[in-house]
Amino acid sequence: MEAEKTVQRTEKEQLVASLNRAFTEATAVVITRQSGLSVSEISELRRKVRAAGGRFKVTKNRLARRALSGTKYEGLADLLTGPTAIAFSSDAVAVAKVAVDFSKTNEKLVIAGGALGARVLNPEGVKALATLPSLDELRGKIAGLLKAPPTKIAGVLQAPAGMLARVVQGYARQGEAGPGEAA
């Protein structure tokens, strides 16, 4: 019996240490209440969060509070009541998007709040975060911006040469027309 308790304590300590590392590395955390979600629904949500580059963890609130200790997310401890699950990611927007989108189609998942860095967000703040473009979308926009200027620069560089040629051609026509005559 005593050996079994020691094993359980060691497993809990490992879980707390693992969660603490995850919180330390995460850019954003979303706390959800998932009362009544089936195993298949949780698995589906976990798959979607993982596809967005994050993790979704159902854990005991007491252990999660311990894991928050010493991290920038300590302010989230008050949100850990009732049946909660935690989503976290290094992409600040992706995990919020997945959680908010899933909660729109499944009323059993409710956004309790979250944090972006040390800033604690209420449910509306998490929903607002979810409306921002994700890191991948921003990368695509930046790549588009970086790709566009070379074509614009080429067009701008060609324009002066064309204008110069038209001016020279205009002077040449004026010279052909003779003095005092308009081209």
N, C-alpha and C. Protein backbone atom coordinates (compact mmCIF):
# COMPACT_ATOMS: atom_id res chain seq x y z
N MET A 1 0.83 -1.19 0.00
CA MET A 1 0.00 0.00 0.00
C MET A 1 0.87 1.26 0.00
N GLU A 2 1.90 1.24 0.83
CA GLU A 2 2.81 2.40 0.92
C GLU A 2 3.57 2.59 -0.40
N ALA A 3 3.96 1.49 -1.02
CA ALA A 3 4.68 1.56 -2.30
C ALA A 3 3.78 2.15 -3.38
N GLU A 4 2.48 1.81 -3.34
CA GLU A 4 1.52 2.33 -4.31
C GLU A 4 1.37 3.84 -4.17
N LYS A 5 1.33 4.34 -2.93
CA LYS A 5 1.22 5.78 -2.69
C LYS A 5 2.47 6.50 -3.19
N THR A 6 3.61 5.88 -3.01
CA THR A 6 4.86 6.49 -3.47
C THR A 6 4.87 6.60 -4.99
N VAL A 7 4.38 5.57 -5.67
CA VAL A 7 4.30 5.58 -7.13
C VAL A 7 3.35 6.69 -7.58
N GLN A 8 2.19 6.79 -6.93
CA GLN A 8 1.23 7.83 -7.29
C GLN A 8 1.81 9.21 -7.06
N ARG A 9 2.50 9.40 -5.95
CA ARG A 9 3.11 10.69 -5.63
C ARG A 9 4.17 11.04 -6.69
N THR A 10 4.97 10.07 -7.08
CA THR A 10 6.00 10.30 -8.10
C THR A 10 5.36 10.66 -9.43
N GLU A 11 4.28 9.98 -9.81
CA GLU A 11 3.58 10.29 -11.06
C GLU A 11 3.02 11.70 -11.03
N LYS A 12 2.44 12.08 -9.90
CA LYS A 12 1.88 13.42 -9.76
C LYS A 12 2.99 14.48 -9.83
N GLU A 13 4.11 14.21 -9.19
CA GLU A 13 5.23 15.15 -9.25
C GLU A 13 5.75 15.31 -10.67
N GLN A 14 5.80 14.20 -11.41
CA GLN A 14 6.23 14.26 -12.81
C GLN A 14 5.24 15.04 -13.66
N LEU A 15 3.94 14.86 -13.40
CA LEU A 15 2.91 15.59 -14.13
C LEU A 15 3.02 17.09 -13.85
N VAL A 16 3.20 17.46 -12.59
CA VAL A 16 3.33 18.86 -12.22
C VAL A 16 4.58 19.46 -12.88
N ALA A 17 5.68 18.75 -12.87
CA ALA A 17 6.91 19.24 -13.50
C ALA A 17 6.73 19.40 -15.01
N SER A 18 6.05 18.44 -15.63
CA SER A 18 5.79 18.50 -17.07
C SER A 18 4.90 19.69 -17.41
N LEU A 19 3.84 19.89 -16.65
CA LEU A 19 2.95 21.03 -16.87
C LEU A 19 3.68 22.35 -16.64
N ASN A 20 4.51 22.39 -15.61
CA ASN A 20 5.27 23.61 -15.32
C ASN A 20 6.17 23.97 -16.49
N ARG A 21 6.84 22.98 -17.08
CA ARG A 21 7.69 23.24 -18.27
C ARG A 21 6.84 23.75 -19.42
N ALA A 22 5.67 23.14 -19.61
CA ALA A 22 4.78 23.55 -20.70
C ALA A 22 4.33 25.00 -20.50
N PHE A 23 3.97 25.37 -19.27
CA PHE A 23 3.56 26.74 -18.99
C PHE A 23 4.72 27.71 -19.20
N THR A 24 5.90 27.31 -18.82
CA THR A 24 7.08 28.17 -18.98
C THR A 24 7.37 28.45 -20.45
N GLU A 25 7.16 27.45 -21.31
CA GLU A 25 7.45 27.59 -22.74
C GLU A 25 6.30 28.21 -23.53
N ALA A 26 5.09 28.18 -22.99
CA ALA A 26 3.91 28.63 -23.73
C ALA A 26 3.85 30.15 -23.84
N THR A 27 3.30 30.61 -24.96
CA THR A 27 3.04 32.03 -25.18
C THR A 27 1.63 32.39 -24.74
N ALA A 28 0.71 31.43 -24.89
CA ALA A 28 -0.68 31.67 -24.53
C ALA A 28 -1.26 30.41 -23.88
N VAL A 29 -2.21 30.65 -22.97
CA VAL A 29 -2.90 29.57 -22.28
C VAL A 29 -4.39 29.89 -22.30
N VAL A 30 -5.20 28.86 -22.56
CA VAL A 30 -6.66 29.01 -22.54
C VAL A 30 -7.21 27.99 -21.54
N ILE A 31 -7.99 28.48 -20.59
CA ILE A 31 -8.64 27.62 -19.60
C ILE A 31 -10.08 27.40 -20.04
N THR A 32 -10.49 26.14 -20.11
CA THR A 32 -11.85 25.81 -20.53
C THR A 32 -12.56 25.00 -19.46
N ARG A 33 -13.85 25.05 -19.50
CA ARG A 33 -14.70 24.18 -18.68
C ARG A 33 -15.33 23.20 -19.67
N GLN A 34 -15.13 21.91 -19.43
CA GLN A 34 -15.61 20.92 -20.39
C GLN A 34 -16.53 19.92 -19.72
N SER A 35 -17.59 20.43 -19.14
CA SER A 35 -18.55 19.58 -18.45
C SER A 35 -19.39 18.79 -19.45
N GLY A 36 -19.29 17.48 -19.38
CA GLY A 36 -20.12 16.63 -20.21
C GLY A 36 -19.55 16.25 -21.56
N LEU A 37 -18.33 16.65 -21.86
CA LEU A 37 -17.72 16.25 -23.14
C LEU A 37 -17.41 14.76 -23.11
N SER A 38 -17.70 14.08 -24.19
CA SER A 38 -17.38 12.65 -24.28
C SER A 38 -15.89 12.48 -24.58
N VAL A 39 -15.43 11.27 -24.41
CA VAL A 39 -14.03 10.97 -24.69
C VAL A 39 -13.71 11.26 -26.16
N SER A 40 -14.63 10.92 -27.05
CA SER A 40 -14.37 11.17 -28.48
C SER A 40 -14.33 12.67 -28.78
N GLU A 41 -15.18 13.46 -28.10
CA GLU A 41 -15.16 14.91 -28.31
C GLU A 41 -13.87 15.52 -27.79
N ILE A 42 -13.41 15.06 -26.63
CA ILE A 42 -12.13 15.54 -26.09
C ILE A 42 -10.99 15.14 -27.00
N SER A 43 -11.04 13.93 -27.52
CA SER A 43 -10.00 13.47 -28.45
C SER A 43 -9.98 14.31 -29.71
N GLU A 44 -11.16 14.64 -30.23
CA GLU A 44 -11.25 15.50 -31.42
C GLU A 44 -10.66 16.88 -31.14
N LEU A 45 -11.01 17.46 -30.00
CA LEU A 45 -10.47 18.77 -29.63
C LEU A 45 -8.96 18.69 -29.44
N ARG A 46 -8.50 17.65 -28.80
CA ARG A 46 -7.05 17.47 -28.59
C ARG A 46 -6.32 17.38 -29.94
N ARG A 47 -6.92 16.67 -30.91
CA ARG A 47 -6.31 16.55 -32.25
C ARG A 47 -6.22 17.92 -32.93
N LYS A 48 -7.30 18.70 -32.80
CA LYS A 48 -7.32 20.02 -33.44
C LYS A 48 -6.30 20.95 -32.80
N VAL A 49 -6.18 20.91 -31.48
CA VAL A 49 -5.20 21.75 -30.78
C VAL A 49 -3.79 21.32 -31.19
N ARG A 50 -3.55 20.02 -31.26
CA ARG A 50 -2.23 19.52 -31.65
C ARG A 50 -1.89 19.94 -33.08
N ALA A 51 -2.89 19.89 -33.97
CA ALA A 51 -2.68 20.30 -35.37
C ALA A 51 -2.33 21.78 -35.45
N ALA A 52 -2.80 22.57 -34.48
CA ALA A 52 -2.49 24.01 -34.44
C ALA A 52 -1.18 24.29 -33.71
N GLY A 53 -0.49 23.23 -33.29
CA GLY A 53 0.81 23.40 -32.64
C GLY A 53 0.73 23.55 -31.13
N GLY A 54 -0.39 23.18 -30.55
CA GLY A 54 -0.55 23.31 -29.11
C GLY A 54 -0.79 21.99 -28.42
N ARG A 55 -1.12 22.09 -27.14
CA ARG A 55 -1.46 20.90 -26.35
C ARG A 55 -2.73 21.19 -25.58
N PHE A 56 -3.53 20.15 -25.37
CA PHE A 56 -4.76 20.24 -24.61
C PHE A 56 -4.69 19.20 -23.52
N LYS A 57 -4.82 19.64 -22.27
CA LYS A 57 -4.61 18.75 -21.14
C LYS A 57 -5.77 18.86 -20.16
N VAL A 58 -6.40 17.72 -19.86
CA VAL A 58 -7.38 17.64 -18.79
C VAL A 58 -6.61 17.18 -17.57
N THR A 59 -6.67 17.98 -16.50
CA THR A 59 -5.90 17.65 -15.31
C THR A 59 -6.63 18.08 -14.06
N LYS A 60 -6.17 17.60 -12.95
CA LYS A 60 -6.76 18.00 -11.67
C LYS A 60 -6.36 19.44 -11.38
N ASN A 61 -7.32 20.21 -10.91
CA ASN A 61 -7.07 21.63 -10.65
C ASN A 61 -5.95 21.85 -9.63
N ARG A 62 -5.91 21.02 -8.59
CA ARG A 62 -4.88 21.17 -7.57
C ARG A 62 -3.49 20.99 -8.17
N LEU A 63 -3.33 20.01 -9.04
CA LEU A 63 -2.03 19.78 -9.68
C LEU A 63 -1.69 20.91 -10.66
N ALA A 64 -2.70 21.38 -11.38
CA ALA A 64 -2.47 22.48 -12.33
C ALA A 64 -2.06 23.75 -11.58
N ARG A 65 -2.68 24.02 -10.42
CA ARG A 65 -2.29 25.19 -9.63
C ARG A 65 -0.83 25.10 -9.20
N ARG A 66 -0.41 23.92 -8.80
CA ARG A 66 1.00 23.72 -8.43
C ARG A 66 1.91 23.97 -9.63
N ALA A 67 1.48 23.50 -10.79
CA ALA A 67 2.29 23.67 -12.01
C ALA A 67 2.39 25.14 -12.41
N LEU A 68 1.34 25.92 -12.14
CA LEU A 68 1.35 27.35 -12.47
C LEU A 68 2.33 28.13 -11.59
N SER A 69 2.59 27.61 -10.41
CA SER A 69 3.46 28.30 -9.46
C SER A 69 4.84 28.55 -10.07
N GLY A 70 5.28 29.81 -9.98
CA GLY A 70 6.60 30.17 -10.49
C GLY A 70 6.62 30.50 -11.97
N THR A 71 5.46 30.48 -12.63
CA THR A 71 5.39 30.83 -14.05
C THR A 71 4.68 32.17 -14.20
N LYS A 72 4.72 32.71 -15.40
CA LYS A 72 4.03 33.98 -15.68
C LYS A 72 2.51 33.82 -15.67
N TYR A 73 2.02 32.59 -15.57
CA TYR A 73 0.59 32.32 -15.60
C TYR A 73 -0.02 32.08 -14.23
N GLU A 74 0.66 32.44 -13.17
CA GLU A 74 0.14 32.22 -11.81
C GLU A 74 -1.23 32.86 -11.62
N GLY A 75 -1.51 33.94 -12.33
CA GLY A 75 -2.78 34.64 -12.23
C GLY A 75 -3.98 33.83 -12.70
N LEU A 76 -3.73 32.70 -13.36
CA LEU A 76 -4.82 31.85 -13.85
C LEU A 76 -5.35 30.89 -12.78
N ALA A 77 -4.69 30.81 -11.65
CA ALA A 77 -5.06 29.83 -10.62
C ALA A 77 -6.52 29.96 -10.21
N ASP A 78 -7.06 31.18 -10.16
CA ASP A 78 -8.46 31.38 -9.75
C ASP A 78 -9.45 30.78 -10.74
N LEU A 79 -9.03 30.59 -11.99
CA LEU A 79 -9.93 30.02 -13.01
C LEU A 79 -10.03 28.50 -12.92
N LEU A 80 -9.15 27.90 -12.14
CA LEU A 80 -9.12 26.44 -12.05
C LEU A 80 -10.10 25.93 -11.00
N THR A 81 -11.37 25.95 -11.35
CA THR A 81 -12.43 25.41 -10.51
C THR A 81 -13.36 24.59 -11.38
N GLY A 82 -13.88 23.53 -10.83
CA GLY A 82 -14.79 22.69 -11.59
C GLY A 82 -14.05 21.86 -12.62
N PRO A 83 -14.78 21.25 -13.56
CA PRO A 83 -14.15 20.40 -14.58
C PRO A 83 -13.45 21.26 -15.64
N THR A 84 -12.15 21.42 -15.49
CA THR A 84 -11.40 22.28 -16.40
C THR A 84 -10.41 21.48 -17.24
N ALA A 85 -10.02 22.11 -18.33
CA ALA A 85 -8.97 21.60 -19.19
C ALA A 85 -8.17 22.81 -19.65
N ILE A 86 -6.92 22.58 -19.97
CA ILE A 86 -6.01 23.67 -20.30
C ILE A 86 -5.45 23.44 -21.71
N ALA A 87 -5.51 24.48 -22.52
CA ALA A 87 -4.89 24.45 -23.85
C ALA A 87 -3.77 25.47 -23.83
N PHE A 88 -2.60 25.10 -24.36
CA PHE A 88 -1.48 26.04 -24.38
C PHE A 88 -0.65 25.82 -25.63
N SER A 89 0.03 26.90 -26.03
CA SER A 89 0.79 26.86 -27.28
C SER A 89 1.81 27.98 -27.31
N SER A 90 2.79 27.83 -28.20
CA SER A 90 3.74 28.92 -28.42
C SER A 90 3.19 29.91 -29.44
N ASP A 91 2.15 29.53 -30.19
CA ASP A 91 1.46 30.45 -31.10
C ASP A 91 0.29 31.03 -30.32
N ALA A 92 0.38 32.30 -30.02
CA ALA A 92 -0.59 32.95 -29.13
C ALA A 92 -2.02 32.88 -29.65
N VAL A 93 -2.21 32.84 -30.95
CA VAL A 93 -3.54 32.93 -31.51
C VAL A 93 -4.13 31.56 -31.84
N ALA A 94 -3.32 30.64 -32.30
CA ALA A 94 -3.82 29.36 -32.80
C ALA A 94 -4.63 28.59 -31.77
N VAL A 95 -4.12 28.48 -30.55
CA VAL A 95 -4.81 27.70 -29.54
C VAL A 95 -6.13 28.38 -29.15
N ALA A 96 -6.15 29.70 -29.12
CA ALA A 96 -7.39 30.42 -28.81
C ALA A 96 -8.41 30.20 -29.93
N LYS A 97 -7.98 30.24 -31.18
CA LYS A 97 -8.87 30.01 -32.32
C LYS A 97 -9.53 28.63 -32.24
N VAL A 98 -8.72 27.62 -31.98
CA VAL A 98 -9.25 26.25 -31.93
C VAL A 98 -10.26 26.12 -30.80
N ALA A 99 -9.92 26.60 -29.62
CA ALA A 99 -10.82 26.48 -28.46
C ALA A 99 -12.12 27.24 -28.69
N VAL A 100 -12.02 28.46 -29.20
CA VAL A 100 -13.22 29.28 -29.43
C VAL A 100 -14.08 28.65 -30.53
N ASP A 101 -13.46 28.21 -31.62
CA ASP A 101 -14.23 27.58 -32.71
C ASP A 101 -14.94 26.32 -32.22
N PHE A 102 -14.23 25.51 -31.41
CA PHE A 102 -14.83 24.28 -30.90
C PHE A 102 -16.00 24.61 -29.97
N SER A 103 -15.85 25.65 -29.15
CA SER A 103 -16.91 26.02 -28.22
C SER A 103 -18.15 26.55 -28.95
N LYS A 104 -17.96 27.08 -30.16
CA LYS A 104 -19.11 27.56 -30.95
C LYS A 104 -19.98 26.40 -31.44
N THR A 105 -19.35 25.26 -31.70
CA THR A 105 -20.09 24.11 -32.23
C THR A 105 -20.47 23.11 -31.15
N ASN A 106 -19.93 23.28 -29.94
CA ASN A 106 -20.22 22.34 -28.86
C ASN A 106 -20.38 23.12 -27.56
N GLU A 107 -21.63 23.28 -27.11
CA GLU A 107 -21.90 24.11 -25.94
C GLU A 107 -21.38 23.50 -24.64
N LYS A 108 -20.89 22.26 -24.68
CA LYS A 108 -20.33 21.63 -23.48
C LYS A 108 -18.94 22.18 -23.15
N LEU A 109 -18.32 22.82 -24.10
CA LEU A 109 -17.01 23.45 -23.87
C LEU A 109 -17.22 24.95 -23.74
N VAL A 110 -16.82 25.49 -22.60
CA VAL A 110 -16.98 26.92 -22.32
C VAL A 110 -15.60 27.51 -22.04
N ILE A 111 -15.33 28.65 -22.64
CA ILE A 111 -14.07 29.34 -22.40
C ILE A 111 -14.17 30.06 -21.06
N ALA A 112 -13.30 29.70 -20.12
CA ALA A 112 -13.32 30.32 -18.79
C ALA A 112 -12.41 31.55 -18.73
N GLY A 113 -11.40 31.56 -19.57
CA GLY A 113 -10.44 32.67 -19.59
C GLY A 113 -9.13 32.18 -20.15
N GLY A 114 -8.10 32.95 -19.96
CA GLY A 114 -6.79 32.56 -20.45
C GLY A 114 -5.76 33.62 -20.14
N ALA A 115 -4.64 33.50 -20.80
CA ALA A 115 -3.58 34.48 -20.61
C ALA A 115 -2.71 34.54 -21.85
N LEU A 116 -2.25 35.73 -22.11
CA LEU A 116 -1.28 35.98 -23.17
C LEU A 116 -0.07 36.54 -22.44
N GLY A 117 0.95 35.71 -22.30
CA GLY A 117 2.07 36.10 -21.45
C GLY A 117 1.56 36.23 -20.02
N ALA A 118 1.96 37.26 -19.33
CA ALA A 118 1.53 37.46 -17.94
C ALA A 118 0.16 38.12 -17.84
N ARG A 119 -0.41 38.53 -18.97
CA ARG A 119 -1.70 39.23 -18.95
C ARG A 119 -2.85 38.23 -18.95
N VAL A 120 -3.64 38.27 -17.89
CA VAL A 120 -4.80 37.38 -17.76
C VAL A 120 -5.94 37.95 -18.60
N LEU A 121 -6.61 37.05 -19.34
CA LEU A 121 -7.71 37.44 -20.22
C LEU A 121 -9.02 36.83 -19.73
N ASN A 122 -10.08 37.61 -19.79
CA ASN A 122 -11.41 37.07 -19.50
C ASN A 122 -11.88 36.32 -20.76
N PRO A 123 -13.03 35.65 -20.72
CA PRO A 123 -13.49 34.91 -21.91
C PRO A 123 -13.59 35.78 -23.16
N GLU A 124 -14.03 37.03 -23.01
CA GLU A 124 -14.13 37.92 -24.19
C GLU A 124 -12.75 38.24 -24.74
N GLY A 125 -11.76 38.36 -23.85
CA GLY A 125 -10.39 38.61 -24.30
C GLY A 125 -9.84 37.44 -25.10
N VAL A 126 -10.16 36.22 -24.67
CA VAL A 126 -9.73 35.03 -25.41
C VAL A 126 -10.41 35.00 -26.77
N LYS A 127 -11.70 35.34 -26.80
CA LYS A 127 -12.43 35.37 -28.08
C LYS A 127 -11.87 36.44 -29.01
N ALA A 128 -11.48 37.58 -28.45
CA ALA A 128 -10.87 38.64 -29.27
C ALA A 128 -9.52 38.18 -29.80
N LEU A 129 -8.76 37.49 -28.98
CA LEU A 129 -7.46 36.95 -29.41
C LEU A 129 -7.66 35.97 -30.57
N ALA A 130 -8.73 35.20 -30.50
CA ALA A 130 -9.01 34.20 -31.54
C ALA A 130 -9.33 34.84 -32.89
N THR A 131 -9.72 36.12 -32.90
CA THR A 131 -10.05 36.77 -34.17
C THR A 131 -8.81 37.30 -34.89
N LEU A 132 -7.68 37.35 -34.20
CA LEU A 132 -6.45 37.84 -34.82
C LEU A 132 -5.90 36.79 -35.78
N PRO A 133 -5.10 37.21 -36.76
CA PRO A 133 -4.49 36.22 -37.65
C PRO A 133 -3.46 35.38 -36.90
N SER A 134 -3.40 34.09 -37.22
CA SER A 134 -2.45 33.19 -36.57
C SER A 134 -1.04 33.48 -37.06
N LEU A 135 -0.08 32.87 -36.40
CA LEU A 135 1.32 33.06 -36.77
C LEU A 135 1.56 32.63 -38.22
N ASP A 136 0.96 31.52 -38.65
CA ASP A 136 1.12 31.05 -40.04
C ASP A 136 0.49 32.04 -41.03
N GLU A 137 -0.67 32.60 -40.67
CA GLU A 137 -1.31 33.58 -41.55
C GLU A 137 -0.45 34.84 -41.66
N LEU A 138 0.12 35.27 -40.53
CA LEU A 138 1.00 36.44 -40.56
C LEU A 138 2.25 36.17 -41.40
N ARG A 139 2.79 34.98 -41.27
CA ARG A 139 3.97 34.61 -42.08
C ARG A 139 3.63 34.67 -43.56
N GLY A 140 2.45 34.19 -43.93
CA GLY A 140 2.02 34.24 -45.33
C GLY A 140 1.88 35.66 -45.83
N LYS A 141 1.32 36.53 -44.98
CA LYS A 141 1.17 37.93 -45.38
C LYS A 141 2.53 38.60 -45.54
N ILE A 142 3.45 38.31 -44.63
CA ILE A 142 4.79 38.89 -44.72
C ILE A 142 5.50 38.39 -45.97
N ALA A 143 5.35 37.10 -46.26
CA ALA A 143 5.97 36.55 -47.48
C ALA A 143 5.39 37.22 -48.71
N GLY A 144 4.09 37.48 -48.70
CA GLY A 144 3.46 38.19 -49.82
C GLY A 144 3.99 39.59 -49.96
N LEU A 145 4.18 40.26 -48.83
CA LEU A 145 4.73 41.62 -48.87
C LEU A 145 6.17 41.62 -49.38
N LEU A 146 6.94 40.63 -48.96
CA LEU A 146 8.33 40.55 -49.40
C LEU A 146 8.43 40.21 -50.88
N LYS A 147 7.46 39.45 -51.38
CA LYS A 147 7.47 39.05 -52.78
C LYS A 147 7.02 40.21 -53.68
N ALA A 148 6.10 41.02 -53.21
CA ALA A 148 5.53 42.09 -54.03
C ALA A 148 6.53 43.19 -54.37
N PRO A 149 7.33 43.69 -53.47
CA PRO A 149 8.21 44.81 -53.79
C PRO A 149 9.14 44.60 -54.99
N PRO A 150 9.74 43.43 -55.19
CA PRO A 150 10.61 43.30 -56.37
C PRO A 150 9.88 43.62 -57.68
N THR A 151 8.63 43.18 -57.79
CA THR A 151 7.90 43.47 -59.02
C THR A 151 7.56 44.96 -59.10
N LYS A 152 7.24 45.54 -57.96
CA LYS A 152 6.96 46.98 -57.94
C LYS A 152 8.23 47.77 -58.25
N ILE A 153 9.35 47.34 -57.67
CA ILE A 153 10.62 48.03 -57.92
C ILE A 153 10.98 47.95 -59.39
N ALA A 154 10.80 46.79 -59.99
CA ALA A 154 11.10 46.64 -61.42
C ALA A 154 10.23 47.58 -62.24
N GLY A 155 8.95 47.68 -61.88
CA GLY A 155 8.05 48.59 -62.60
C GLY A 155 8.48 50.04 -62.44
N VAL A 156 8.88 50.41 -61.21
CA VAL A 156 9.31 51.78 -60.96
C VAL A 156 10.61 52.08 -61.70
N LEU A 157 11.51 51.12 -61.72
CA LEU A 157 12.79 51.34 -62.42
C LEU A 157 12.59 51.44 -63.93
N GLN A 158 11.62 50.71 -64.46
CA GLN A 158 11.36 50.77 -65.90
C GLN A 158 10.66 52.08 -66.28
N ALA A 159 9.86 52.61 -65.40
CA ALA A 159 9.10 53.82 -65.70
C ALA A 159 10.01 55.01 -66.01
N PRO A 160 11.02 55.31 -65.21
CA PRO A 160 11.87 56.46 -65.55
C PRO A 160 12.58 56.30 -66.90
N ALA A 161 13.00 55.08 -67.20
CA ALA A 161 13.66 54.86 -68.49
C ALA A 161 12.68 55.14 -69.63
N GLY A 162 11.46 54.71 -69.48
CA GLY A 162 10.44 54.96 -70.50
C GLY A 162 10.14 56.44 -70.62
N MET A 163 10.05 57.13 -69.46
CA MET A 163 9.79 58.58 -69.49
C MET A 163 10.96 59.31 -70.13
N LEU A 164 12.18 58.90 -69.81
CA LEU A 164 13.37 59.53 -70.40
C LEU A 164 13.37 59.34 -71.91
N ALA A 165 13.02 58.13 -72.36
CA ALA A 165 12.97 57.87 -73.80
C ALA A 165 11.92 58.75 -74.47
N ARG A 166 10.76 58.95 -73.84
CA ARG A 166 9.73 59.81 -74.42
C ARG A 166 10.17 61.27 -74.46
N VAL A 167 10.87 61.72 -73.44
CA VAL A 167 11.37 63.10 -73.42
C VAL A 167 12.39 63.30 -74.53
N VAL A 168 13.33 62.36 -74.66
CA VAL A 168 14.34 62.45 -75.72
C VAL A 168 13.66 62.42 -77.08
N GLN A 169 12.67 61.55 -77.21
CA GLN A 169 11.95 61.48 -78.48
C GLN A 169 11.21 62.79 -78.73
N GLY A 170 10.67 63.40 -77.71
CA GLY A 170 9.98 64.68 -77.85
C GLY A 170 10.94 65.77 -78.33
N TYR A 171 12.15 65.83 -77.73
CA TYR A 171 13.14 66.81 -78.17
C TYR A 171 13.59 66.54 -79.59
N ALA A 172 13.68 65.26 -79.92
CA ALA A 172 14.09 64.92 -81.28
C ALA A 172 13.03 65.40 -82.27
N ARG A 173 11.77 65.25 -81.96
CA ARG A 173 10.71 65.70 -82.84
C ARG A 173 10.73 67.23 -82.94
N GLN A 174 11.01 67.87 -81.80
CA GLN A 174 11.07 69.32 -81.84
C GLN A 174 12.20 69.78 -82.78
N GLY A 175 13.32 69.06 -82.72
CA GLY A 175 14.45 69.39 -83.60
C GLY A 175 14.10 69.16 -85.06
N GLU A 176 13.28 68.15 -85.37
CA GLU A 176 12.88 67.86 -86.75
C GLU A 176 11.90 68.90 -87.25
N ALA A 177 11.09 69.43 -86.32
CA ALA A 177 10.07 70.39 -86.73
C ALA A 177 10.70 71.72 -87.10
N GLY A 178 11.86 71.98 -86.64
CA GLY A 178 12.52 73.25 -86.97
C GLY A 178 12.30 74.27 -85.88
N PRO A 179 13.09 75.35 -85.91
CA PRO A 179 12.98 76.34 -84.87
C PRO A 179 11.64 77.08 -84.95
N GLY A 180 11.04 77.27 -83.74
CA GLY A 180 9.81 78.03 -83.65
C GLY A 180 8.56 77.22 -83.98
N GLU A 181 8.70 76.00 -84.48
CA GLU A 181 7.53 75.18 -84.80
C GLU A 181 7.26 74.21 -83.66
N ALA A 182 6.03 73.93 -83.41
CA ALA A 182 5.67 72.98 -82.37
C ALA A 182 5.64 71.58 -82.96
N ALA A 183 5.93 70.61 -82.13
CA ALA A 183 5.93 69.22 -82.60
C ALA A 183 4.57 68.65 -82.71
